[in-house]
Amino acid sequence: PYYGESVKGRFTISRDGAKNTVYLQMNSLRPEDTA
């Protein structure tokens, strides 16, 4: 994984190769994450 500086420690990216699916777990969300 690689992370942007503004989300390090709060977001986690993962993938499931069998399902061809990528996930983004977003914790400790802030108003500036609105997008």
PDB file of all heavy atoms in Angstrom:
ATOM      1  N   PRO A   1       0.817  -1.215   0.000  1.00  0.00           N
ATOM      2  CA  PRO A   1       0.000   0.000   0.000  1.00  0.00           C
ATOM      3  C   PRO A   1       0.855   1.271   0.000  1.00  0.00           C
ATOM      4  O   PRO A   1       1.999   1.267   0.467  1.00  0.00           O
ATOM      5  CB  PRO A   1      -0.769  -0.117   1.314  1.00  0.00           C
ATOM      6  CG  PRO A   1       0.197  -0.812   2.223  1.00  0.00           C
ATOM      7  CD  PRO A   1       0.996  -1.735   1.366  1.00  0.00           C
ATOM      8  N   TYR A   2       0.273   2.333  -0.524  1.00  0.00           N
ATOM      9  CA  TYR A   2       0.878   3.658  -0.483  1.00  0.00           C
ATOM     10  C   TYR A   2      -0.233   4.626  -0.064  1.00  0.00           C
ATOM     11  O   TYR A   2      -1.379   4.477  -0.489  1.00  0.00           O
ATOM     12  CB  TYR A   2       1.411   4.066  -1.867  1.00  0.00           C
ATOM     13  CG  TYR A   2       2.339   3.065  -2.504  1.00  0.00           C
ATOM     14  CD1 TYR A   2       1.840   1.985  -3.234  1.00  0.00           C
ATOM     15  CD2 TYR A   2       3.719   3.186  -2.391  1.00  0.00           C
ATOM     16  CE1 TYR A   2       2.692   1.053  -3.819  1.00  0.00           C
ATOM     17  CE2 TYR A   2       4.577   2.269  -2.983  1.00  0.00           C
ATOM     18  CZ  TYR A   2       4.054   1.205  -3.688  1.00  0.00           C
ATOM     19  OH  TYR A   2       4.902   0.295  -4.261  1.00  0.00           O
ATOM     20  N   TYR A   3       0.116   5.606   0.752  1.00  0.00           N
ATOM     21  CA  TYR A   3      -0.895   6.523   1.270  1.00  0.00           C
ATOM     22  C   TYR A   3      -0.507   7.972   1.071  1.00  0.00           C
ATOM     23  O   TYR A   3       0.672   8.337   1.166  1.00  0.00           O
ATOM     24  CB  TYR A   3      -1.123   6.277   2.768  1.00  0.00           C
ATOM     25  CG  TYR A   3      -1.695   4.918   3.073  1.00  0.00           C
ATOM     26  CD1 TYR A   3      -0.872   3.875   3.474  1.00  0.00           C
ATOM     27  CD2 TYR A   3      -3.056   4.680   2.945  1.00  0.00           C
ATOM     28  CE1 TYR A   3      -1.394   2.617   3.739  1.00  0.00           C
ATOM     29  CE2 TYR A   3      -3.592   3.426   3.215  1.00  0.00           C
ATOM     30  CZ  TYR A   3      -2.754   2.404   3.611  1.00  0.00           C
ATOM     31  OH  TYR A   3      -3.280   1.163   3.876  1.00  0.00           O
ATOM     32  N   GLY A   4      -1.526   8.806   0.841  1.00  0.00           N
ATOM     33  CA  GLY A   4      -1.291  10.230   0.839  1.00  0.00           C
ATOM     34  C   GLY A   4      -1.051  10.693   2.270  1.00  0.00           C
ATOM     35  O   GLY A   4      -1.559  10.094   3.229  1.00  0.00           O
ATOM     36  N   GLU A   5      -0.314  11.778   2.412  1.00  0.00           N
ATOM     37  CA  GLU A   5       0.071  12.246   3.749  1.00  0.00           C
ATOM     38  C   GLU A   5      -1.144  12.590   4.608  1.00  0.00           C
ATOM     39  O   GLU A   5      -1.144  12.359   5.819  1.00  0.00           O
ATOM     40  CB  GLU A   5       0.975  13.463   3.620  1.00  0.00           C
ATOM     41  CG  GLU A   5       2.380  13.159   3.149  1.00  0.00           C
ATOM     42  CD  GLU A   5       3.141  12.276   4.125  1.00  0.00           C
ATOM     43  OE1 GLU A   5       2.929  12.439   5.350  1.00  0.00           O
ATOM     44  OE2 GLU A   5       3.928  11.417   3.675  1.00  0.00           O
ATOM     45  N   SER A   6      -2.183  13.103   4.015  1.00  0.00           N
ATOM     46  CA  SER A   6      -3.328  13.576   4.789  1.00  0.00           C
ATOM     47  C   SER A   6      -4.165  12.433   5.379  1.00  0.00           C
ATOM     48  O   SER A   6      -4.998  12.683   6.268  1.00  0.00           O
ATOM     49  CB  SER A   6      -4.223  14.454   3.909  1.00  0.00           C
ATOM     50  OG  SER A   6      -4.732  13.716   2.820  1.00  0.00           O
ATOM     51  N   VAL A   7      -3.949  11.200   4.926  1.00  0.00           N
ATOM     52  CA  VAL A   7      -4.781  10.089   5.422  1.00  0.00           C
ATOM     53  C   VAL A   7      -3.974   9.010   6.139  1.00  0.00           C
ATOM     54  O   VAL A   7      -4.552   8.045   6.649  1.00  0.00           O
ATOM     55  CB  VAL A   7      -5.585   9.442   4.279  1.00  0.00           C
ATOM     56  CG1 VAL A   7      -6.411  10.494   3.546  1.00  0.00           C
ATOM     57  CG2 VAL A   7      -4.694   8.674   3.315  1.00  0.00           C
ATOM     58  N   LYS A   8      -2.660   9.159   6.175  1.00  0.00           N
ATOM     59  CA  LYS A   8      -1.827   8.155   6.843  1.00  0.00           C
ATOM     60  C   LYS A   8      -2.245   7.979   8.293  1.00  0.00           C
ATOM     61  O   LYS A   8      -2.468   8.945   9.013  1.00  0.00           O
ATOM     62  CB  LYS A   8      -0.354   8.563   6.775  1.00  0.00           C
ATOM     63  CG  LYS A   8       0.307   8.259   5.452  1.00  0.00           C
ATOM     64  CD  LYS A   8       1.785   8.621   5.487  1.00  0.00           C
ATOM     65  CE  LYS A   8       2.447   8.300   4.157  1.00  0.00           C
ATOM     66  NZ  LYS A   8       3.878   8.691   4.141  1.00  0.00           N
ATOM     67  N   GLY A   9      -2.381   6.721   8.701  1.00  0.00           N
ATOM     68  CA  GLY A   9      -2.773   6.412  10.064  1.00  0.00           C
ATOM     69  C   GLY A   9      -4.274   6.379  10.285  1.00  0.00           C
ATOM     70  O   GLY A   9      -4.736   5.930  11.336  1.00  0.00           O
ATOM     71  N   ARG A  10      -5.040   6.848   9.282  1.00  0.00           N
ATOM     72  CA  ARG A  10      -6.497   6.862   9.425  1.00  0.00           C
ATOM     73  C   ARG A  10      -7.186   5.961   8.395  1.00  0.00           C
ATOM     74  O   ARG A  10      -8.222   5.366   8.693  1.00  0.00           O
ATOM     75  CB  ARG A  10      -7.032   8.291   9.273  1.00  0.00           C
ATOM     76  CG  ARG A  10      -6.495   9.274  10.300  1.00  0.00           C
ATOM     77  CD  ARG A  10      -7.208  10.611  10.203  1.00  0.00           C
ATOM     78  NE  ARG A  10      -7.002  11.244   8.897  1.00  0.00           N
ATOM     79  CZ  ARG A  10      -8.004  11.630   8.106  1.00  0.00           C
ATOM     80  NH1 ARG A  10      -9.259  11.413   8.440  1.00  0.00           N
ATOM     81  NH2 ARG A  10      -7.736  12.233   6.951  1.00  0.00           N
ATOM     82  N   PHE A  11      -6.635   5.872   7.206  1.00  0.00           N
ATOM     83  CA  PHE A  11      -7.229   5.084   6.122  1.00  0.00           C
ATOM     84  C   PHE A  11      -6.381   3.845   5.871  1.00  0.00           C
ATOM     85  O   PHE A  11      -5.160   3.872   6.019  1.00  0.00           O
ATOM     86  CB  PHE A  11      -7.297   5.889   4.830  1.00  0.00           C
ATOM     87  CG  PHE A  11      -8.284   7.036   4.839  1.00  0.00           C
ATOM     88  CD1 PHE A  11      -8.908   7.459   6.001  1.00  0.00           C
ATOM     89  CD2 PHE A  11      -8.581   7.688   3.655  1.00  0.00           C
ATOM     90  CE1 PHE A  11      -9.805   8.519   5.996  1.00  0.00           C
ATOM     91  CE2 PHE A  11      -9.482   8.746   3.629  1.00  0.00           C
ATOM     92  CZ  PHE A  11     -10.096   9.161   4.811  1.00  0.00           C
ATOM     93  N   THR A  12      -7.055   2.776   5.462  1.00  0.00           N
ATOM     94  CA  THR A  12      -6.369   1.537   5.108  1.00  0.00           C
ATOM     95  C   THR A  12      -6.919   1.012   3.791  1.00  0.00           C
ATOM     96  O   THR A  12      -8.141   0.851   3.648  1.00  0.00           O
ATOM     97  CB  THR A  12      -6.556   0.462   6.190  1.00  0.00           C
ATOM     98  OG1 THR A  12      -6.065   0.960   7.444  1.00  0.00           O
ATOM     99  CG2 THR A  12      -5.788  -0.802   5.826  1.00  0.00           C
ATOM    100  N   ILE A  13      -6.028   0.759   2.853  1.00  0.00           N
ATOM    101  CA  ILE A  13      -6.432   0.178   1.577  1.00  0.00           C
ATOM    102  C   ILE A  13      -6.091  -1.303   1.591  1.00  0.00           C
ATOM    103  O   ILE A  13      -5.066  -1.714   2.140  1.00  0.00           O
ATOM    104  CB  ILE A  13      -5.742   0.899   0.384  1.00  0.00           C
ATOM    105  CG1 ILE A  13      -6.327   0.428  -0.942  1.00  0.00           C
ATOM    106  CG2 ILE A  13      -4.223   0.719   0.435  1.00  0.00           C
ATOM    107  CD1 ILE A  13      -5.872   1.262  -2.138  1.00  0.00           C
ATOM    108  N   SER A  14      -6.968  -2.105   1.005  1.00  0.00           N
ATOM    109  CA  SER A  14      -6.727  -3.538   0.906  1.00  0.00           C
ATOM    110  C   SER A  14      -7.378  -4.051  -0.368  1.00  0.00           C
ATOM    111  O   SER A  14      -8.168  -3.342  -0.998  1.00  0.00           O
ATOM    112  CB  SER A  14      -7.283  -4.272   2.130  1.00  0.00           C
ATOM    113  OG  SER A  14      -8.694  -4.082   2.224  1.00  0.00           O
ATOM    114  N   ARG A  15      -7.033  -5.255  -0.739  1.00  0.00           N
ATOM    115  CA  ARG A  15      -7.614  -5.812  -1.953  1.00  0.00           C
ATOM    116  C   ARG A  15      -7.863  -7.304  -1.782  1.00  0.00           C
ATOM    117  O   ARG A  15      -7.195  -7.974  -1.014  1.00  0.00           O
ATOM    118  CB  ARG A  15      -6.700  -5.531  -3.156  1.00  0.00           C
ATOM    119  CG  ARG A  15      -5.321  -6.183  -3.033  1.00  0.00           C
ATOM    120  CD  ARG A  15      -5.213  -7.336  -3.965  1.00  0.00           C
ATOM    121  NE  ARG A  15      -3.891  -7.886  -4.041  1.00  0.00           N
ATOM    122  CZ  ARG A  15      -3.523  -8.968  -3.377  1.00  0.00           C
ATOM    123  NH1 ARG A  15      -4.369  -9.526  -2.511  1.00  0.00           N
ATOM    124  NH2 ARG A  15      -2.330  -9.492  -3.553  1.00  0.00           N
ATOM    125  N   ASP A  16      -8.877  -7.770  -2.521  1.00  0.00           N
ATOM    126  CA  ASP A  16      -9.213  -9.187  -2.559  1.00  0.00           C
ATOM    127  C   ASP A  16      -9.047  -9.622  -4.006  1.00  0.00           C
ATOM    128  O   ASP A  16      -9.891  -9.322  -4.854  1.00  0.00           O
ATOM    129  CB  ASP A  16     -10.653  -9.401  -2.086  1.00  0.00           C
ATOM    130  CG  ASP A  16     -11.033 -10.874  -2.021  1.00  0.00           C
ATOM    131  OD1 ASP A  16     -10.478 -11.676  -2.809  1.00  0.00           O
ATOM    132  OD2 ASP A  16     -11.895 -11.226  -1.205  1.00  0.00           O
ATOM    133  N   GLY A  17      -7.948 -10.315  -4.287  1.00  0.00           N
ATOM    134  CA  GLY A  17      -7.655 -10.700  -5.655  1.00  0.00           C
ATOM    135  C   GLY A  17      -8.683 -11.638  -6.247  1.00  0.00           C
ATOM    136  O   GLY A  17      -8.982 -11.564  -7.439  1.00  0.00           O
ATOM    137  N   ALA A  18      -9.239 -12.499  -5.443  1.00  0.00           N
ATOM    138  CA  ALA A  18     -10.223 -13.463  -5.943  1.00  0.00           C
ATOM    139  C   ALA A  18     -11.504 -12.767  -6.394  1.00  0.00           C
ATOM    140  O   ALA A  18     -12.205 -13.239  -7.299  1.00  0.00           O
ATOM    141  CB  ALA A  18     -10.534 -14.498  -4.873  1.00  0.00           C
ATOM    142  N   LYS A  19     -11.814 -11.650  -5.767  1.00  0.00           N
ATOM    143  CA  LYS A  19     -13.040 -10.910  -6.100  1.00  0.00           C
ATOM    144  C   LYS A  19     -12.765  -9.695  -6.979  1.00  0.00           C
ATOM    145  O   LYS A  19     -13.697  -8.968  -7.318  1.00  0.00           O
ATOM    146  CB  LYS A  19     -13.742 -10.455  -4.818  1.00  0.00           C
ATOM    147  CG  LYS A  19     -14.223 -11.586  -3.926  1.00  0.00           C
ATOM    148  CD  LYS A  19     -14.926 -11.042  -2.691  1.00  0.00           C
ATOM    149  CE  LYS A  19     -15.450 -12.165  -1.809  1.00  0.00           C
ATOM    150  NZ  LYS A  19     -16.130 -11.634  -0.580  1.00  0.00           N
ATOM    151  N   ASN A  20     -11.505  -9.457  -7.315  1.00  0.00           N
ATOM    152  CA  ASN A  20     -11.145  -8.257  -8.087  1.00  0.00           C
ATOM    153  C   ASN A  20     -11.720  -7.008  -7.449  1.00  0.00           C
ATOM    154  O   ASN A  20     -12.301  -6.143  -8.120  1.00  0.00           O
ATOM    155  CB  ASN A  20     -11.620  -8.371  -9.544  1.00  0.00           C
ATOM    156  CG  ASN A  20     -10.794  -9.349 -10.356  1.00  0.00           C
ATOM    157  OD1 ASN A  20      -9.664  -9.668  -9.987  1.00  0.00           O
ATOM    158  ND2 ASN A  20     -11.350  -9.835 -11.448  1.00  0.00           N
ATOM    159  N   THR A  21     -11.569  -6.905  -6.158  1.00  0.00           N
ATOM    160  CA  THR A  21     -12.170  -5.816  -5.393  1.00  0.00           C
ATOM    161  C   THR A  21     -11.114  -5.151  -4.519  1.00  0.00           C
ATOM    162  O   THR A  21     -10.268  -5.830  -3.920  1.00  0.00           O
ATOM    163  CB  THR A  21     -13.323  -6.331  -4.525  1.00  0.00           C
ATOM    164  OG1 THR A  21     -14.341  -6.900  -5.377  1.00  0.00           O
ATOM    165  CG2 THR A  21     -13.945  -5.209  -3.708  1.00  0.00           C
ATOM    166  N   VAL A  22     -11.173  -3.842  -4.463  1.00  0.00           N
ATOM    167  CA  VAL A  22     -10.296  -3.072  -3.583  1.00  0.00           C
ATOM    168  C   VAL A  22     -11.172  -2.315  -2.600  1.00  0.00           C
ATOM    169  O   VAL A  22     -12.282  -1.900  -2.930  1.00  0.00           O
ATOM    170  CB  VAL A  22      -9.390  -2.119  -4.400  1.00  0.00           C
ATOM    171  CG1 VAL A  22     -10.196  -1.066  -5.118  1.00  0.00           C
ATOM    172  CG2 VAL A  22      -8.336  -1.492  -3.518  1.00  0.00           C
ATOM    173  N   TYR A  23     -10.682  -2.186  -1.379  1.00  0.00           N
ATOM    174  CA  TYR A  23     -11.431  -1.548  -0.305  1.00  0.00           C
ATOM    175  C   TYR A  23     -10.659  -0.362   0.240  1.00  0.00           C
ATOM    176  O   TYR A  23      -9.428  -0.314   0.182  1.00  0.00           O
ATOM    177  CB  TYR A  23     -11.679  -2.551   0.826  1.00  0.00           C
ATOM    178  CG  TYR A  23     -12.353  -3.819   0.390  1.00  0.00           C
ATOM    179  CD1 TYR A  23     -11.601  -4.964   0.103  1.00  0.00           C
ATOM    180  CD2 TYR A  23     -13.734  -3.888   0.254  1.00  0.00           C
ATOM    181  CE1 TYR A  23     -12.208  -6.141  -0.307  1.00  0.00           C
ATOM    182  CE2 TYR A  23     -14.347  -5.068  -0.161  1.00  0.00           C
ATOM    183  CZ  TYR A  23     -13.584  -6.176  -0.432  1.00  0.00           C
ATOM    184  OH  TYR A  23     -14.189  -7.343  -0.841  1.00  0.00           O
ATOM    185  N   LEU A  24     -11.391   0.581   0.815  1.00  0.00           N
ATOM    186  CA  LEU A  24     -10.775   1.686   1.527  1.00  0.00           C
ATOM    187  C   LEU A  24     -11.515   1.849   2.850  1.00  0.00           C
ATOM    188  O   LEU A  24     -12.669   2.284   2.873  1.00  0.00           O
ATOM    189  CB  LEU A  24     -10.833   2.984   0.717  1.00  0.00           C
ATOM    190  CG  LEU A  24     -10.110   4.165   1.358  1.00  0.00           C
ATOM    191  CD1 LEU A  24      -8.590   3.905   1.349  1.00  0.00           C
ATOM    192  CD2 LEU A  24     -10.415   5.465   0.630  1.00  0.00           C
ATOM    193  N   GLN A  25     -10.859   1.446   3.925  1.00  0.00           N
ATOM    194  CA  GLN A  25     -11.418   1.628   5.259  1.00  0.00           C
ATOM    195  C   GLN A  25     -11.012   2.999   5.756  1.00  0.00           C
ATOM    196  O   GLN A  25      -9.812   3.284   5.856  1.00  0.00           O
ATOM    197  CB  GLN A  25     -10.908   0.539   6.207  1.00  0.00           C
ATOM    198  CG  GLN A  25     -11.406   0.684   7.632  1.00  0.00           C
ATOM    199  CD  GLN A  25     -12.908   0.482   7.759  1.00  0.00           C
ATOM    200  OE1 GLN A  25     -13.465  -0.425   7.172  1.00  0.00           O
ATOM    201  NE2 GLN A  25     -13.558   1.343   8.546  1.00  0.00           N
ATOM    202  N   MET A  26     -11.982   3.837   6.053  1.00  0.00           N
ATOM    203  CA  MET A  26     -11.719   5.210   6.462  1.00  0.00           C
ATOM    204  C   MET A  26     -12.185   5.394   7.905  1.00  0.00           C
ATOM    205  O   MET A  26     -13.372   5.284   8.190  1.00  0.00           O
ATOM    206  CB  MET A  26     -12.453   6.186   5.535  1.00  0.00           C
ATOM    207  CG  MET A  26     -12.127   5.982   4.069  1.00  0.00           C
ATOM    208  SD  MET A  26     -12.864   7.227   2.992  1.00  0.00           S
ATOM    209  CE  MET A  26     -14.595   6.834   3.183  1.00  0.00           C
ATOM    210  N   ASN A  27     -11.242   5.653   8.776  1.00  0.00           N
ATOM    211  CA  ASN A  27     -11.532   5.877  10.194  1.00  0.00           C
ATOM    212  C   ASN A  27     -11.176   7.300  10.580  1.00  0.00           C
ATOM    213  O   ASN A  27     -10.448   7.995   9.872  1.00  0.00           O
ATOM    214  CB  ASN A  27     -10.739   4.888  11.051  1.00  0.00           C
ATOM    215  CG  ASN A  27     -11.105   3.447  10.787  1.00  0.00           C
ATOM    216  OD1 ASN A  27     -12.238   3.121  10.435  1.00  0.00           O
ATOM    217  ND2 ASN A  27     -10.121   2.552  10.936  1.00  0.00           N
ATOM    218  N   SER A  28     -11.684   7.728  11.721  1.00  0.00           N
ATOM    219  CA  SER A  28     -11.399   9.069  12.236  1.00  0.00           C
ATOM    220  C   SER A  28     -11.634  10.123  11.163  1.00  0.00           C
ATOM    221  O   SER A  28     -10.794  11.006  10.938  1.00  0.00           O
ATOM    222  CB  SER A  28      -9.947   9.148  12.742  1.00  0.00           C
ATOM    223  OG  SER A  28      -9.734   8.196  13.755  1.00  0.00           O
ATOM    224  N   LEU A  29     -12.770  10.030  10.507  1.00  0.00           N
ATOM    225  CA  LEU A  29     -13.061  10.936   9.405  1.00  0.00           C
ATOM    226  C   LEU A  29     -13.197  12.378   9.886  1.00  0.00           C
ATOM    227  O   LEU A  29     -13.665  12.649  10.998  1.00  0.00           O
ATOM    228  CB  LEU A  29     -14.332  10.492   8.686  1.00  0.00           C
ATOM    229  CG  LEU A  29     -14.133   9.296   7.750  1.00  0.00           C
ATOM    230  CD1 LEU A  29     -15.445   8.621   7.430  1.00  0.00           C
ATOM    231  CD2 LEU A  29     -13.417   9.728   6.482  1.00  0.00           C
ATOM    232  N   ARG A  30     -12.760  13.285   9.015  1.00  0.00           N
ATOM    233  CA  ARG A  30     -12.775  14.727   9.291  1.00  0.00           C
ATOM    234  C   ARG A  30     -13.592  15.436   8.222  1.00  0.00           C
ATOM    235  O   ARG A  30     -13.739  14.927   7.103  1.00  0.00           O
ATOM    236  CB  ARG A  30     -11.338  15.255   9.259  1.00  0.00           C
ATOM    237  CG  ARG A  30     -10.387  14.550  10.190  1.00  0.00           C
ATOM    238  CD  ARG A  30      -8.958  14.914   9.866  1.00  0.00           C
ATOM    239  NE  ARG A  30      -7.998  14.261  10.742  1.00  0.00           N
ATOM    240  CZ  ARG A  30      -6.687  14.247  10.544  1.00  0.00           C
ATOM    241  NH1 ARG A  30      -6.183  14.876   9.477  1.00  0.00           N
ATOM    242  NH2 ARG A  30      -5.902  13.623  11.392  1.00  0.00           N
ATOM    243  N   PRO A  31     -14.104  16.606   8.531  1.00  0.00           N
ATOM    244  CA  PRO A  31     -14.863  17.351   7.510  1.00  0.00           C
ATOM    245  C   PRO A  31     -14.061  17.569   6.230  1.00  0.00           C
ATOM    246  O   PRO A  31     -14.638  17.570   5.138  1.00  0.00           O
ATOM    247  CB  PRO A  31     -15.178  18.665   8.225  1.00  0.00           C
ATOM    248  CG  PRO A  31     -15.251  18.294   9.661  1.00  0.00           C
ATOM    249  CD  PRO A  31     -14.182  17.253   9.849  1.00  0.00           C
ATOM    250  N   GLU A  32     -12.752  17.731   6.356  1.00  0.00           N
ATOM    251  CA  GLU A  32     -11.926  17.941   5.169  1.00  0.00           C
ATOM    252  C   GLU A  32     -11.777  16.684   4.319  1.00  0.00           C
ATOM    253  O   GLU A  32     -11.206  16.753   3.217  1.00  0.00           O
ATOM    254  CB  GLU A  32     -10.537  18.477   5.553  1.00  0.00           C
ATOM    255  CG  GLU A  32      -9.805  17.638   6.567  1.00  0.00           C
ATOM    256  CD  GLU A  32      -9.962  18.159   7.991  1.00  0.00           C
ATOM    257  OE1 GLU A  32     -11.083  18.613   8.342  1.00  0.00           O
ATOM    258  OE2 GLU A  32      -8.967  18.124   8.748  1.00  0.00           O
ATOM    259  N   ASP A  33     -12.277  15.557   4.773  1.00  0.00           N
ATOM    260  CA  ASP A  33     -12.296  14.342   3.952  1.00  0.00           C
ATOM    261  C   ASP A  33     -13.498  14.323   3.007  1.00  0.00           C
ATOM    262  O   ASP A  33     -13.600  13.436   2.153  1.00  0.00           O
ATOM    263  CB  ASP A  33     -12.352  13.090   4.830  1.00  0.00           C
ATOM    264  CG  ASP A  33     -11.099  12.909   5.668  1.00  0.00           C
ATOM    265  OD1 ASP A  33      -9.991  13.116   5.123  1.00  0.00           O
ATOM    266  OD2 ASP A  33     -11.225  12.541   6.850  1.00  0.00           O
ATOM    267  N   THR A  34     -14.378  15.287   3.142  1.00  0.00           N
ATOM    268  CA  THR A  34     -15.545  15.364   2.275  1.00  0.00           C
ATOM    269  C   THR A  34     -15.121  15.546   0.828  1.00  0.00           C
ATOM    270  O   THR A  34     -14.380  16.474   0.503  1.00  0.00           O
ATOM    271  CB  THR A  34     -16.460  16.525   2.696  1.00  0.00           C
ATOM    272  OG1 THR A  34     -16.976  16.250   4.008  1.00  0.00           O
ATOM    273  CG2 THR A  34     -17.615  16.699   1.716  1.00  0.00           C
ATOM    274  N   ALA A  35     -15.593  14.656  -0.036  1.00  0.00           N
ATOM    275  CA  ALA A  35     -15.194  14.685  -1.448  1.00  0.00           C
ATOM    276  C   ALA A  35     -15.927  13.577  -2.187  1.00  0.00           C
ATOM    277  O   ALA A  35     -16.568  12.718  -1.576  1.00  0.00           O
ATOM    278  CB  ALA A  35     -13.690  14.473  -1.583  1.00  0.00           C
TER     279      ALA A  35
END
